[in-house]
C-alpha cells in the first residue's frame, strides 16, 4: 500500500522545479524589460542631442553595430537550441523518474514566470 510519504520526493521535485522555473522566468522578463528601457532612453537621448546640434551621430554605424549584435544573439540562440536534444549525463544518477517531472515542471514554471513578469 502506498502512502503520502512515498510520493513526497516526487511532489518536492515537481514543486521545487516549478517554483525555480517561475522565478527564473520572472527575473529574465524583468531584466529584458529594464534593458529595453535603458537602450531606448539611450537612443532617445542621442537623437535629442543630435537634434540640438550638440553631437553628431553616425546612424549607419549604429545600425550596423546593432545588426551585428542581433545576428550574434540569433547565433547564440540557434546554438543553444541545437544542443537541447544532445545527450547529456547530468541526471543519470537521478534516474528518468526524477528528470522528466523536474524538466516539465521547470519549463511550465518558466513559461508562467515569463507571462506574469
PDB file of N, CA and C in Angstrom:
ATOM      1  N   UNK A   1       0.838  -1.175   0.000  1.00  0.00           N
ATOM      2  CA  UNK A   1       0.000   0.000   0.000  1.00  0.00           C
ATOM      3  C   UNK A   1       0.887   1.244   0.000  1.00  0.00           C
ATOM      4  N   UNK A   2       0.539   2.198  -0.829  1.00  0.00           N
ATOM      5  CA  UNK A   2       1.325   3.428  -0.918  1.00  0.00           C
ATOM      6  C   UNK A   2       0.770   4.487   0.027  1.00  0.00           C
ATOM      7  N   UNK A   3       1.695   5.255   0.566  1.00  0.00           N
ATOM      8  CA  UNK A   3       1.303   6.329   1.471  1.00  0.00           C
ATOM      9  C   UNK A   3       1.791   7.660   0.908  1.00  0.00           C
ATOM     10  N   UNK A   4       1.453   8.702   1.603  1.00  0.00           N
ATOM     11  CA  UNK A   4       1.857  10.038   1.179  1.00  0.00           C
ATOM     12  C   UNK A   4       3.376  10.180   1.217  1.00  0.00           C
ATOM     13  N   UNK A   5       4.025   9.539   2.153  1.00  0.00           N
ATOM     14  CA  UNK A   5       5.478   9.654   2.256  1.00  0.00           C
ATOM     15  C   UNK A   5       6.189   9.017   1.064  1.00  0.00           C
ATOM     16  N   UNK A   6       5.535   8.093   0.368  1.00  0.00           N
ATOM     17  CA  UNK A   6       6.130   7.511  -0.836  1.00  0.00           C
ATOM     18  C   UNK A   6       6.197   8.528  -1.974  1.00  0.00           C
ATOM     19  N   UNK A   7       5.258   9.472  -1.994  1.00  0.00           N
ATOM     20  CA  UNK A   7       5.210  10.469  -3.062  1.00  0.00           C
ATOM     21  C   UNK A   7       5.881  11.784  -2.685  1.00  0.00           C
ATOM     22  N   UNK A   8       6.391  11.912  -1.488  1.00  0.00           N
ATOM     23  CA  UNK A   8       6.981  13.175  -1.026  1.00  0.00           C
ATOM     24  C   UNK A   8       8.164  13.626  -1.889  1.00  0.00           C
ATOM     25  N   UNK A   9       9.113  12.762  -2.245  1.00  0.00           N
ATOM     26  CA  UNK A   9      10.211  13.232  -3.107  1.00  0.00           C
ATOM     27  C   UNK A   9       9.715  13.672  -4.484  1.00  0.00           C
ATOM     28  N   UNK A  10       8.755  12.965  -5.020  1.00  0.00           N
ATOM     29  CA  UNK A  10       8.188  13.297  -6.325  1.00  0.00           C
ATOM     30  C   UNK A  10       7.494  14.659  -6.276  1.00  0.00           C
ATOM     31  N   UNK A  11       6.715  14.903  -5.248  1.00  0.00           N
ATOM     32  CA  UNK A  11       5.999  16.169  -5.095  1.00  0.00           C
ATOM     33  C   UNK A  11       6.991  17.306  -4.843  1.00  0.00           C
ATOM     34  N   UNK A  12       8.019  17.048  -4.058  1.00  0.00           N
ATOM     35  CA  UNK A  12       9.048  18.065  -3.827  1.00  0.00           C
ATOM     36  C   UNK A  12       9.796  18.427  -5.086  1.00  0.00           C
ATOM     37  N   UNK A  13      10.065  17.431  -5.916  1.00  0.00           N
ATOM     38  CA  UNK A  13      10.755  17.679  -7.182  1.00  0.00           C
ATOM     39  C   UNK A  13       9.900  18.539  -8.098  1.00  0.00           C
ATOM     40  N   UNK A  14       8.637  18.211  -8.206  1.00  0.00           N
ATOM     41  CA  UNK A  14       7.736  18.973  -9.079  1.00  0.00           C
ATOM     42  C   UNK A  14       7.546  20.392  -8.549  1.00  0.00           C
ATOM     43  N   UNK A  15       7.267  20.524  -7.269  1.00  0.00           N
ATOM     44  CA  UNK A  15       7.030  21.847  -6.690  1.00  0.00           C
ATOM     45  C   UNK A  15       8.262  22.724  -6.713  1.00  0.00           C
ATOM     46  N   UNK A  16       9.407  22.162  -6.358  1.00  0.00           N
ATOM     47  CA  UNK A  16      10.645  22.932  -6.377  1.00  0.00           C
ATOM     48  C   UNK A  16      11.042  23.351  -7.778  1.00  0.00           C
ATOM     49  N   UNK A  17      10.894  22.437  -8.720  1.00  0.00           N
ATOM     50  CA  UNK A  17      11.209  22.766 -10.108  1.00  0.00           C
ATOM     51  C   UNK A  17      10.294  23.839 -10.665  1.00  0.00           C
ATOM     52  N   UNK A  18       9.014  23.745 -10.333  1.00  0.00           N
ATOM     53  CA  UNK A  18       8.054  24.741 -10.810  1.00  0.00           C
ATOM     54  C   UNK A  18       8.371  26.119 -10.244  1.00  0.00           C
ATOM     55  N   UNK A  19       8.655  26.187  -8.953  1.00  0.00           N
ATOM     56  CA  UNK A  19       8.965  27.475  -8.335  1.00  0.00           C
ATOM     57  C   UNK A  19      10.278  28.045  -8.865  1.00  0.00           C
ATOM     58  N   UNK A  20      11.281  27.195  -9.047  1.00  0.00           N
ATOM     59  CA  UNK A  20      12.545  27.659  -9.608  1.00  0.00           C
ATOM     60  C   UNK A  20      12.380  28.181 -11.024  1.00  0.00           C
ATOM     61  N   UNK A  21      11.624  27.457 -11.835  1.00  0.00           N
ATOM     62  CA  UNK A  21      11.365  27.899 -13.204  1.00  0.00           C
ATOM     63  C   UNK A  21      10.570  29.189 -13.250  1.00  0.00           C
ATOM     64  N   UNK A  22       9.597  29.330 -12.347  1.00  0.00           N
ATOM     65  CA  UNK A  22       8.790  30.535 -12.312  1.00  0.00           C
ATOM     66  C   UNK A  22       9.644  31.749 -11.909  1.00  0.00           C
ATOM     67  N   UNK A  23      10.501  31.571 -10.922  1.00  0.00           N
ATOM     68  CA  UNK A  23      11.377  32.671 -10.505  1.00  0.00           C
ATOM     69  C   UNK A  23      12.360  33.047 -11.614  1.00  0.00           C
ATOM     70  N   UNK A  24      12.890  32.063 -12.312  1.00  0.00           N
ATOM     71  CA  UNK A  24      13.824  32.343 -13.401  1.00  0.00           C
ATOM     72  C   UNK A  24      13.127  33.084 -14.540  1.00  0.00           C
ATOM     73  N   UNK A  25      11.946  32.642 -14.922  1.00  0.00           N
ATOM     74  CA  UNK A  25      11.197  33.313 -15.983  1.00  0.00           C
ATOM     75  C   UNK A  25      10.826  34.736 -15.612  1.00  0.00           C
ATOM     76  N   UNK A  26      10.400  34.939 -14.378  1.00  0.00           N
ATOM     77  CA  UNK A  26      10.040  36.274 -13.898  1.00  0.00           C
ATOM     78  C   UNK A  26      11.259  37.200 -13.918  1.00  0.00           C
ATOM     79  N   UNK A  27      12.392  36.699 -13.434  1.00  0.00           N
ATOM     80  CA  UNK A  27      13.606  37.516 -13.385  1.00  0.00           C
ATOM     81  C   UNK A  27      14.100  37.853 -14.788  1.00  0.00           C
ATOM     82  N   UNK A  28      14.071  36.894 -15.696  1.00  0.00           N
ATOM     83  CA  UNK A  28      14.534  37.139 -17.057  1.00  0.00           C
ATOM     84  C   UNK A  28      13.665  38.171 -17.748  1.00  0.00           C
ATOM     85  N   UNK A  29      12.346  38.090 -17.545  1.00  0.00           N
ATOM     86  CA  UNK A  29      11.466  39.070 -18.178  1.00  0.00           C
ATOM     87  C   UNK A  29      11.722  40.471 -17.624  1.00  0.00           C
ATOM     88  N   UNK A  30      11.945  40.581 -16.317  1.00  0.00           N
ATOM     89  CA  UNK A  30      12.219  41.889 -15.720  1.00  0.00           C
ATOM     90  C   UNK A  30      13.546  42.456 -16.236  1.00  0.00           C
ATOM     91  N   UNK A  31      14.564  41.612 -16.358  1.00  0.00           N
ATOM     92  CA  UNK A  31      15.865  42.066 -16.855  1.00  0.00           C
ATOM     93  C   UNK A  31      15.762  42.531 -18.304  1.00  0.00           C
ATOM     94  N   UNK A  32      15.039  41.788 -19.130  1.00  0.00           N
ATOM     95  CA  UNK A  32      14.862  42.172 -20.529  1.00  0.00           C
ATOM     96  C   UNK A  32      14.104  43.494 -20.622  1.00  0.00           C
ATOM     97  N   UNK A  33      13.088  43.670 -19.791  1.00  0.00           N
ATOM     98  CA  UNK A  33      12.308  44.911 -19.813  1.00  0.00           C
ATOM     99  C   UNK A  33      13.172  46.105 -19.396  1.00  0.00           C
ATOM    100  N   UNK A  34      13.968  45.950 -18.365  1.00  0.00           N
ATOM    101  CA  UNK A  34      14.840  47.040 -17.910  1.00  0.00           C
ATOM    102  C   UNK A  34      15.877  47.366 -18.982  1.00  0.00           C
ATOM    103  N   UNK A  35      16.452  46.335 -19.605  1.00  0.00           N
ATOM    104  CA  UNK A  35      17.443  46.565 -20.657  1.00  0.00           C
ATOM    105  C   UNK A  35      16.818  47.285 -21.849  1.00  0.00           C
ATOM    106  N   UNK A  36      15.595  46.940 -22.208  1.00  0.00           N
ATOM    107  CA  UNK A  36      14.930  47.608 -23.328  1.00  0.00           C
ATOM    108  C   UNK A  36      14.675  49.082 -23.011  1.00  0.00           C
ATOM    109  N   UNK A  37      14.289  49.380 -21.786  1.00  0.00           N
ATOM    110  CA  UNK A  37      14.060  50.776 -21.393  1.00  0.00           C
ATOM    111  C   UNK A  37      15.364  51.558 -21.422  1.00  0.00           C
ATOM    112  N   UNK A  38      16.436  50.971 -20.908  1.00  0.00           N
ATOM    113  CA  UNK A  38      17.726  51.665 -20.883  1.00  0.00           C
ATOM    114  C   UNK A  38      18.222  51.934 -22.308  1.00  0.00           C
ATOM    115  N   UNK A  39      18.144  50.948 -23.179  1.00  0.00           N
ATOM    116  CA  UNK A  39      18.590  51.133 -24.563  1.00  0.00           C
ATOM    117  C   UNK A  39      17.711  52.160 -25.268  1.00  0.00           C
ATOM    118  N   UNK A  40      16.415  52.097 -25.063  1.00  0.00           N
ATOM    119  CA  UNK A  40      15.515  53.073 -25.673  1.00  0.00           C
ATOM    120  C   UNK A  40      15.781  54.492 -25.213  1.00  0.00           C
ATOM    121  N   UNK A  41      16.001  54.671 -23.915  1.00  0.00           N
ATOM    122  CA  UNK A  41      16.325  56.003 -23.402  1.00  0.00           C
ATOM    123  C   UNK A  41      17.662  56.503 -23.948  1.00  0.00           C
ATOM    124  N   UNK A  42      18.634  55.614 -24.067  1.00  0.00           N
ATOM    125  CA  UNK A  42      19.931  55.993 -24.609  1.00  0.00           C
ATOM    126  C   UNK A  42      19.800  56.478 -26.049  1.00  0.00           C
ATOM    127  N   UNK A  43      19.040  55.763 -26.848  1.00  0.00           N
ATOM    128  CA  UNK A  43      18.850  56.165 -28.248  1.00  0.00           C
ATOM    129  C   UNK A  43      18.071  57.475 -28.330  1.00  0.00           C
ATOM    130  N   UNK A  44      17.070  57.647 -27.463  1.00  0.00           N
ATOM    131  CA  UNK A  44      16.310  58.897 -27.456  1.00  0.00           C
ATOM    132  C   UNK A  44      17.192  60.077 -27.067  1.00  0.00           C
ATOM    133  N   UNK A  45      18.069  59.902 -26.090  1.00  0.00           N
ATOM    134  CA  UNK A  45      18.977  60.977 -25.681  1.00  0.00           C
ATOM    135  C   UNK A  45      19.950  61.302 -26.805  1.00  0.00           C
ATOM    136  N   UNK A  46      20.460  60.283 -27.483  1.00  0.00           N
ATOM    137  CA  UNK A  46      21.364  60.536 -28.607  1.00  0.00           C
ATOM    138  C   UNK A  46      20.656  61.304 -29.721  1.00  0.00           C
ATOM    139  N   UNK A  47      19.407  60.930 -30.020  1.00  0.00           N
ATOM    140  CA  UNK A  47      18.657  61.626 -31.063  1.00  0.00           C
ATOM    141  C   UNK A  47      18.382  63.076 -30.654  1.00  0.00           C
ATOM    142  N   UNK A  48      18.065  63.314 -29.400  1.00  0.00           N
ATOM    143  CA  UNK A  48      17.816  64.671 -28.919  1.00  0.00           C
ATOM    144  C   UNK A  48      19.086  65.523 -28.987  1.00  0.00           C
ATOM    145  N   UNK A  49      20.201  64.956 -28.543  1.00  0.00           N
ATOM    146  CA  UNK A  49      21.457  65.703 -28.588  1.00  0.00           C
ATOM    147  C   UNK A  49      21.887  66.001 -30.022  1.00  0.00           C
ATOM    148  N   UNK A  50      21.596  65.087 -30.935  1.00  0.00           N
ATOM    149  CA  UNK A  50      21.901  65.357 -32.334  1.00  0.00           C
ATOM    150  C   UNK A  50      20.966  66.432 -32.882  1.00  0.00           C
ATOM    151  N   UNK A  51      19.718  66.412 -32.487  1.00  0.00           N
ATOM    152  CA  UNK A  51      18.765  67.432 -32.926  1.00  0.00           C
ATOM    153  C   UNK A  51      19.182  68.816 -32.438  1.00  0.00           C
ATOM    154  N   UNK A  52      19.744  68.888 -31.246  1.00  0.00           N
ATOM    155  CA  UNK A  52      20.210  70.160 -30.685  1.00  0.00           C
ATOM    156  C   UNK A  52      21.591  70.556 -31.218  1.00  0.00           C
ATOM    157  N   UNK A  53      22.150  69.766 -32.124  1.00  0.00           N
ATOM    158  CA  UNK A  53      23.465  70.004 -32.729  1.00  0.00           C
ATOM    159  C   UNK A  53      24.594  69.998 -31.699  1.00  0.00           C
ATOM    160  N   UNK A  54      24.425  69.194 -30.643  1.00  0.00           N
ATOM    161  CA  UNK A  54      25.475  69.052 -29.638  1.00  0.00           C
ATOM    162  C   UNK A  54      26.447  67.948 -30.047  1.00  0.00           C
ATOM    163  N   UNK A  55      25.914  66.864 -30.593  1.00  0.00           N
ATOM    164  CA  UNK A  55      26.747  65.766 -31.074  1.00  0.00           C
ATOM    165  C   UNK A  55      26.323  65.413 -32.494  1.00  0.00           C
ATOM    166  N   UNK A  56      27.157  64.645 -33.165  1.00  0.00           N
ATOM    167  CA  UNK A  56      26.846  64.153 -34.488  1.00  0.00           C
ATOM    168  C   UNK A  56      26.876  62.625 -34.430  1.00  0.00           C
ATOM    169  N   UNK A  57      25.735  61.980 -34.681  1.00  0.00           N
ATOM    170  CA  UNK A  57      25.613  60.527 -34.572  1.00  0.00           C
ATOM    171  C   UNK A  57      25.647  59.923 -35.967  1.00  0.00           C
ATOM    172  N   UNK A  58      26.495  58.939 -36.148  1.00  0.00           N
ATOM    173  CA  UNK A  58      26.559  58.190 -37.405  1.00  0.00           C
ATOM    174  C   UNK A  58      25.543  57.050 -37.308  1.00  0.00           C
ATOM    175  N   UNK A  59      24.316  57.312 -37.784  1.00  0.00           N
ATOM    176  CA  UNK A  59      23.233  56.344 -37.636  1.00  0.00           C
ATOM    177  C   UNK A  59      23.475  55.086 -38.454  1.00  0.00           C
ATOM    178  N   UNK A  60      24.227  55.181 -39.544  1.00  0.00           N
ATOM    179  CA  UNK A  60      24.554  53.996 -40.342  1.00  0.00           C
ATOM    180  C   UNK A  60      25.436  53.057 -39.523  1.00  0.00           C
ATOM    181  N   UNK A  61      26.389  53.635 -38.812  1.00  0.00           N
ATOM    182  CA  UNK A  61      27.262  52.813 -37.952  1.00  0.00           C
ATOM    183  C   UNK A  61      26.476  52.218 -36.791  1.00  0.00           C
ATOM    184  N   UNK A  62      25.567  52.994 -36.210  1.00  0.00           N
ATOM    185  CA  UNK A  62      24.725  52.488 -35.122  1.00  0.00           C
ATOM    186  C   UNK A  62      23.888  51.314 -35.615  1.00  0.00           C
ATOM    187  N   UNK A  63      23.350  51.450 -36.834  1.00  0.00           N
ATOM    188  CA  UNK A  63      22.547  50.363 -37.398  1.00  0.00           C
ATOM    189  C   UNK A  63      23.397  49.123 -37.651  1.00  0.00           C
ATOM    190  N   UNK A  64      24.602  49.286 -38.177  1.00  0.00           N
ATOM    191  CA  UNK A  64      25.437  48.109 -38.457  1.00  0.00           C
ATOM    192  C   UNK A  64      25.862  47.413 -37.164  1.00  0.00           C
ATOM    193  N   UNK A  65      26.168  48.191 -36.123  1.00  0.00           N
ATOM    194  CA  UNK A  65      26.548  47.586 -34.845  1.00  0.00           C
ATOM    195  C   UNK A  65      25.370  46.845 -34.238  1.00  0.00           C
ATOM    196  N   UNK A  66      24.170  47.447 -34.296  1.00  0.00           N
ATOM    197  CA  UNK A  66      23.003  46.773 -33.725  1.00  0.00           C
ATOM    198  C   UNK A  66      22.641  45.520 -34.526  1.00  0.00           C
ATOM    199  N   UNK A  67      22.808  45.566 -35.848  1.00  0.00           N
ATOM    200  CA  UNK A  67      22.542  44.377 -36.662  1.00  0.00           C
ATOM    201  C   UNK A  67      23.510  43.251 -36.337  1.00  0.00           C
ATOM    202  N   UNK A  68      24.778  43.597 -36.127  1.00  0.00           N
ATOM    203  CA  UNK A  68      25.742  42.551 -35.784  1.00  0.00           C
ATOM    204  C   UNK A  68      25.451  41.980 -34.394  1.00  0.00           C
ATOM    205  N   UNK A  69      24.989  42.818 -33.473  1.00  0.00           N
ATOM    206  CA  UNK A  69      24.607  42.329 -32.146  1.00  0.00           C
ATOM    207  C   UNK A  69      23.404  41.402 -32.203  1.00  0.00           C
ATOM    208  N   UNK A  70      22.436  41.742 -33.032  1.00  0.00           N
ATOM    209  CA  UNK A  70      21.255  40.890 -33.190  1.00  0.00           C
ATOM    210  C   UNK A  70      21.633  39.577 -33.863  1.00  0.00           C
ATOM    211  N   UNK A  71      22.529  39.639 -34.845  1.00  0.00           N
ATOM    212  CA  UNK A  71      22.986  38.407 -35.505  1.00  0.00           C
ATOM    213  C   UNK A  71      23.734  37.516 -34.518  1.00  0.00           C
ATOM    214  N   UNK A  72      24.549  38.121 -33.649  1.00  0.00           N
ATOM    215  CA  UNK A  72      25.253  37.339 -32.628  1.00  0.00           C
ATOM    216  C   UNK A  72      24.260  36.666 -31.689  1.00  0.00           C
ATOM    217  N   UNK A  73      23.244  37.407 -31.233  1.00  0.00           N
ATOM    218  CA  UNK A  73      22.247  36.833 -30.329  1.00  0.00           C
ATOM    219  C   UNK A  73      21.487  35.694 -31.009  1.00  0.00           C
ATOM    220  N   UNK A  74      21.166  35.860 -32.289  1.00  0.00           N
ATOM    221  CA  UNK A  74      20.478  34.795 -33.023  1.00  0.00           C
ATOM    222  C   UNK A  74      21.359  33.557 -33.146  1.00  0.00           C
ATOM    223  N   UNK A  75      22.656  33.753 -33.361  1.00  0.00           N
ATOM    224  CA  UNK A  75      23.579  32.606 -33.435  1.00  0.00           C
ATOM    225  C   UNK A  75      23.661  31.879 -32.092  1.00  0.00           C
ATOM    226  N   UNK A  76      23.702  32.636 -31.018  1.00  0.00           N
ATOM    227  CA  UNK A  76      23.764  32.019 -29.687  1.00  0.00           C
ATOM    228  C   UNK A  76      22.500  31.224 -29.415  1.00  0.00           C
ATOM    229  N   UNK A  77      21.343  31.790 -29.730  1.00  0.00           N
ATOM    230  CA  UNK A  77      20.077  31.083 -29.503  1.00  0.00           C
ATOM    231  C   UNK A  77      20.009  29.832 -30.373  1.00  0.00           C
ATOM    232  N   UNK A  78      20.466  29.922 -31.625  1.00  0.00           N
ATOM    233  CA  UNK A  78      20.480  28.756 -32.502  1.00  0.00           C
ATOM    234  C   UNK A  78      21.403  27.676 -31.952  1.00  0.00           C
ATOM    235  N   UNK A  79      22.556  28.062 -31.453  1.00  0.00           N
ATOM    236  CA  UNK A  79      23.499  27.094 -30.885  1.00  0.00           C
ATOM    237  C   UNK A  79      22.911  26.420 -29.650  1.00  0.00           C
ATOM    238  N   UNK A  80      22.280  27.189 -28.800  1.00  0.00           N
ATOM    239  CA  UNK A  80      21.680  26.620 -27.591  1.00  0.00           C
ATOM    240  C   UNK A  80      20.548  25.677 -27.959  1.00  0.00           C
ATOM    241  N   UNK A  81      19.688  26.092 -28.897  1.00  0.00           N
ATOM    242  CA  UNK A  81      18.558  25.241 -29.260  1.00  0.00           C
ATOM    243  C   UNK A  81      19.003  23.978 -29.982  1.00  0.00           C
ATOM    244  N   UNK A  82      20.128  24.023 -30.691  1.00  0.00           N
ATOM    245  CA  UNK A  82      20.607  22.811 -31.355  1.00  0.00           C
ATOM    246  C   UNK A  82      21.223  21.835 -30.359  1.00  0.00           C
ATOM    247  N   UNK A  83      21.662  22.327 -29.210  1.00  0.00           N
ATOM    248  CA  UNK A  83      22.242  21.456 -28.197  1.00  0.00           C
ATOM    249  C   UNK A  83      21.238  20.949 -27.179  1.00  0.00           C
ATOM    250  N   UNK A  84      19.987  21.357 -27.289  1.00  0.00           N
ATOM    251  CA  UNK A  84      18.986  20.916 -26.315  1.00  0.00           C
ATOM    252  C   UNK A  84      18.773  19.414 -26.407  1.00  0.00           C
ATOM    253  N   UNK A  85      18.728  18.880 -27.594  1.00  0.00           N
ATOM    254  CA  UNK A  85      18.496  17.451 -27.749  1.00  0.00           C
ATOM    255  C   UNK A  85      19.739  16.588 -27.633  1.00  0.00           C
ATOM    256  N   UNK A  86      20.890  17.202 -27.383  1.00  0.00           N
ATOM    257  CA  UNK A  86      22.134  16.453 -27.295  1.00  0.00           C
ATOM    258  C   UNK A  86      22.142  15.571 -26.054  1.00  0.00           C
ATOM    259  N   UNK A  87      22.748  14.394 -26.135  1.00  0.00           N
ATOM    260  CA  UNK A  87      22.799  13.526 -24.955  1.00  0.00           C
ATOM    261  C   UNK A  87      23.661  14.150 -23.865  1.00  0.00           C
ATOM    262  N   UNK A  88      23.237  13.975 -22.660  1.00  0.00           N
ATOM    263  CA  UNK A  88      23.990  14.509 -21.530  1.00  0.00           C
ATOM    264  C   UNK A  88      23.944  13.509 -20.384  1.00  0.00           C
ATOM    265  N   UNK A  89      24.819  13.677 -19.451  1.00  0.00           N
ATOM    266  CA  UNK A  89      24.901  12.749 -18.330  1.00  0.00           C
ATOM    267  C   UNK A  89      24.657  13.437 -16.995  1.00  0.00           C
ATOM    268  N   UNK A  90      24.074  14.622 -17.024  1.00  0.00           N
ATOM    269  CA  UNK A  90      23.905  15.380 -15.780  1.00  0.00           C
ATOM    270  C   UNK A  90      22.956  14.689 -14.810  1.00  0.00           C
ATOM    271  N   UNK A  91      21.904  14.072 -15.323  1.00  0.00           N
ATOM    272  CA  UNK A  91      20.928  13.491 -14.418  1.00  0.00           C
ATOM    273  C   UNK A  91      20.878  11.981 -14.442  1.00  0.00           C
ATOM    274  N   UNK A  92      21.939  11.332 -14.877  1.00  0.00           N
ATOM    275  CA  UNK A  92      21.893   9.885 -14.964  1.00  0.00           C
ATOM    276  C   UNK A  92      21.835   9.243 -13.582  1.00  0.00           C
ATOM    277  N   UNK A  93      22.392   9.875 -12.571  1.00  0.00           N
ATOM    278  CA  UNK A  93      22.328   9.299 -11.228  1.00  0.00           C
ATOM    279  C   UNK A  93      20.940   9.451 -10.619  1.00  0.00           C
ATOM    280  N   UNK A  94      20.183  10.445 -11.094  1.00  0.00           N
ATOM    281  CA  UNK A  94      18.847  10.660 -10.541  1.00  0.00           C
ATOM    282  C   UNK A  94      17.829   9.686 -11.118  1.00  0.00           C
ATOM    283  N   UNK A  95      18.012   9.297 -12.339  1.00  0.00           N
ATOM    284  CA  UNK A  95      17.075   8.392 -12.976  1.00  0.00           C
ATOM    285  C   UNK A  95      16.007   9.160 -13.727  1.00  0.00           C
ATOM    286  N   UNK A  96      15.387   8.510 -14.693  1.00  0.00           N
ATOM    287  CA  UNK A  96      14.380   9.181 -15.505  1.00  0.00           C
ATOM    288  C   UNK A  96      13.117   9.485 -14.716  1.00  0.00           C
ATOM    289  N   UNK A  97      12.835   8.749 -13.670  1.00  0.00           N
ATOM    290  CA  UNK A  97      11.621   9.021 -12.906  1.00  0.00           C
ATOM    291  C   UNK A  97      11.699  10.358 -12.182  1.00  0.00           C
ATOM    292  N   UNK A  98      12.893  10.907 -12.028  1.00  0.00           N
ATOM    293  CA  UNK A  98      13.049  12.211 -11.394  1.00  0.00           C
ATOM    294  C   UNK A  98      13.287  13.300 -12.430  1.00  0.00           C
ATOM    295  N   UNK A  99      13.987  13.007 -13.509  1.00  0.00           N
ATOM    296  CA  UNK A  99      14.344  14.009 -14.504  1.00  0.00           C
ATOM    297  C   UNK A  99      13.125  14.501 -15.271  1.00  0.00           C
ATOM    298  N   UNK A 100      12.260  13.624 -15.700  1.00  0.00           N
ATOM    299  CA  UNK A 100      11.116  14.023 -16.520  1.00  0.00           C
ATOM    300  C   UNK A 100      10.169  14.949 -15.765  1.00  0.00           C
ATOM    301  N   UNK A 101       9.747  14.636 -14.532  1.00  0.00           N
ATOM    302  CA  UNK A 101       8.871  15.587 -13.835  1.00  0.00           C
ATOM    303  C   UNK A 101       9.565  16.908 -13.521  1.00  0.00           C
ATOM    304  N   UNK A 102      10.861  16.858 -13.219  1.00  0.00           N
ATOM    305  CA  UNK A 102      11.593  18.085 -12.917  1.00  0.00           C
ATOM    306  C   UNK A 102      11.662  18.974 -14.144  1.00  0.00           C
ATOM    307  N   UNK A 103      11.989  18.399 -15.287  1.00  0.00           N
ATOM    308  CA  UNK A 103      12.094  19.182 -16.518  1.00  0.00           C
ATOM    309  C   UNK A 103      10.757  19.779 -16.912  1.00  0.00           C
ATOM    310  N   UNK A 104       9.713  18.998 -16.834  1.00  0.00           N
ATOM    311  CA  UNK A 104       8.405  19.517 -17.233  1.00  0.00           C
ATOM    312  C   UNK A 104       7.899  20.571 -16.259  1.00  0.00           C
ATOM    313  N   UNK A 105       8.149  20.405 -14.978  1.00  0.00           N
ATOM    314  CA  UNK A 105       7.680  21.404 -14.029  1.00  0.00           C
ATOM    315  C   UNK A 105       8.494  22.691 -14.127  1.00  0.00           C
ATOM    316  N   UNK A 106       9.798  22.581 -14.391  1.00  0.00           N
ATOM    317  CA  UNK A 106      10.619  23.781 -14.565  1.00  0.00           C
ATOM    318  C   UNK A 106      10.162  24.550 -15.799  1.00  0.00           C
ATOM    319  N   UNK A 107       9.920  23.848 -16.896  1.00  0.00           N
ATOM    320  CA  UNK A 107       9.501  24.547 -18.115  1.00  0.00           C
ATOM    321  C   UNK A 107       8.118  25.168 -17.952  1.00  0.00           C
ATOM    322  N   UNK A 108       7.218  24.499 -17.260  1.00  0.00           N
ATOM    323  CA  UNK A 108       5.895  25.085 -17.013  1.00  0.00           C
ATOM    324  C   UNK A 108       6.015  26.320 -16.125  1.00  0.00           C
ATOM    325  N   UNK A 109       6.819  26.250 -15.098  1.00  0.00           N
ATOM    326  CA  UNK A 109       7.032  27.406 -14.236  1.00  0.00           C
ATOM    327  C   UNK A 109       7.717  28.548 -14.962  1.00  0.00           C
ATOM    328  N   UNK A 110       8.666  28.221 -15.850  1.00  0.00           N
ATOM    329  CA  UNK A 110       9.365  29.245 -16.615  1.00  0.00           C
ATOM    330  C   UNK A 110       8.402  30.009 -17.513  1.00  0.00           C
ATOM    331  N   UNK A 111       7.520  29.289 -18.201  1.00  0.00           N
ATOM    332  CA  UNK A 111       6.543  29.933 -19.080  1.00  0.00           C
ATOM    333  C   UNK A 111       5.592  30.799 -18.258  1.00  0.00           C
ATOM    334  N   UNK A 112       5.142  30.315 -17.117  1.00  0.00           N
ATOM    335  CA  UNK A 112       4.262  31.106 -16.276  1.00  0.00           C
ATOM    336  C   UNK A 112       4.980  32.345 -15.737  1.00  0.00           C
ATOM    337  N   UNK A 113       6.244  32.208 -15.358  1.00  0.00           N
ATOM    338  CA  UNK A 113       7.011  33.358 -14.895  1.00  0.00           C
ATOM    339  C   UNK A 113       7.207  34.400 -15.973  1.00  0.00           C
ATOM    340  N   UNK A 114       7.447  33.957 -17.217  1.00  0.00           N
ATOM    341  CA  UNK A 114       7.567  34.904 -18.328  1.00  0.00           C
ATOM    342  C   UNK A 114       6.257  35.622 -18.603  1.00  0.00           C
ATOM    343  N   UNK A 115       5.153  34.904 -18.501  1.00  0.00           N
ATOM    344  CA  UNK A 115       3.870  35.530 -18.799  1.00  0.00           C
ATOM    345  C   UNK A 115       3.409  36.469 -17.690  1.00  0.00           C
ATOM    346  N   UNK A 116       3.758  36.179 -16.435  1.00  0.00           N
ATOM    347  CA  UNK A 116       3.324  37.020 -15.322  1.00  0.00           C
ATOM    348  C   UNK A 116       4.287  38.161 -15.020  1.00  0.00           C
ATOM    349  N   UNK A 117       5.513  38.061 -15.496  1.00  0.00           N
ATOM    350  CA  UNK A 117       6.532  39.058 -15.178  1.00  0.00           C
ATOM    351  C   UNK A 117       6.236  40.344 -15.839  1.00  0.00           C
TER     352      UNK A 117
END
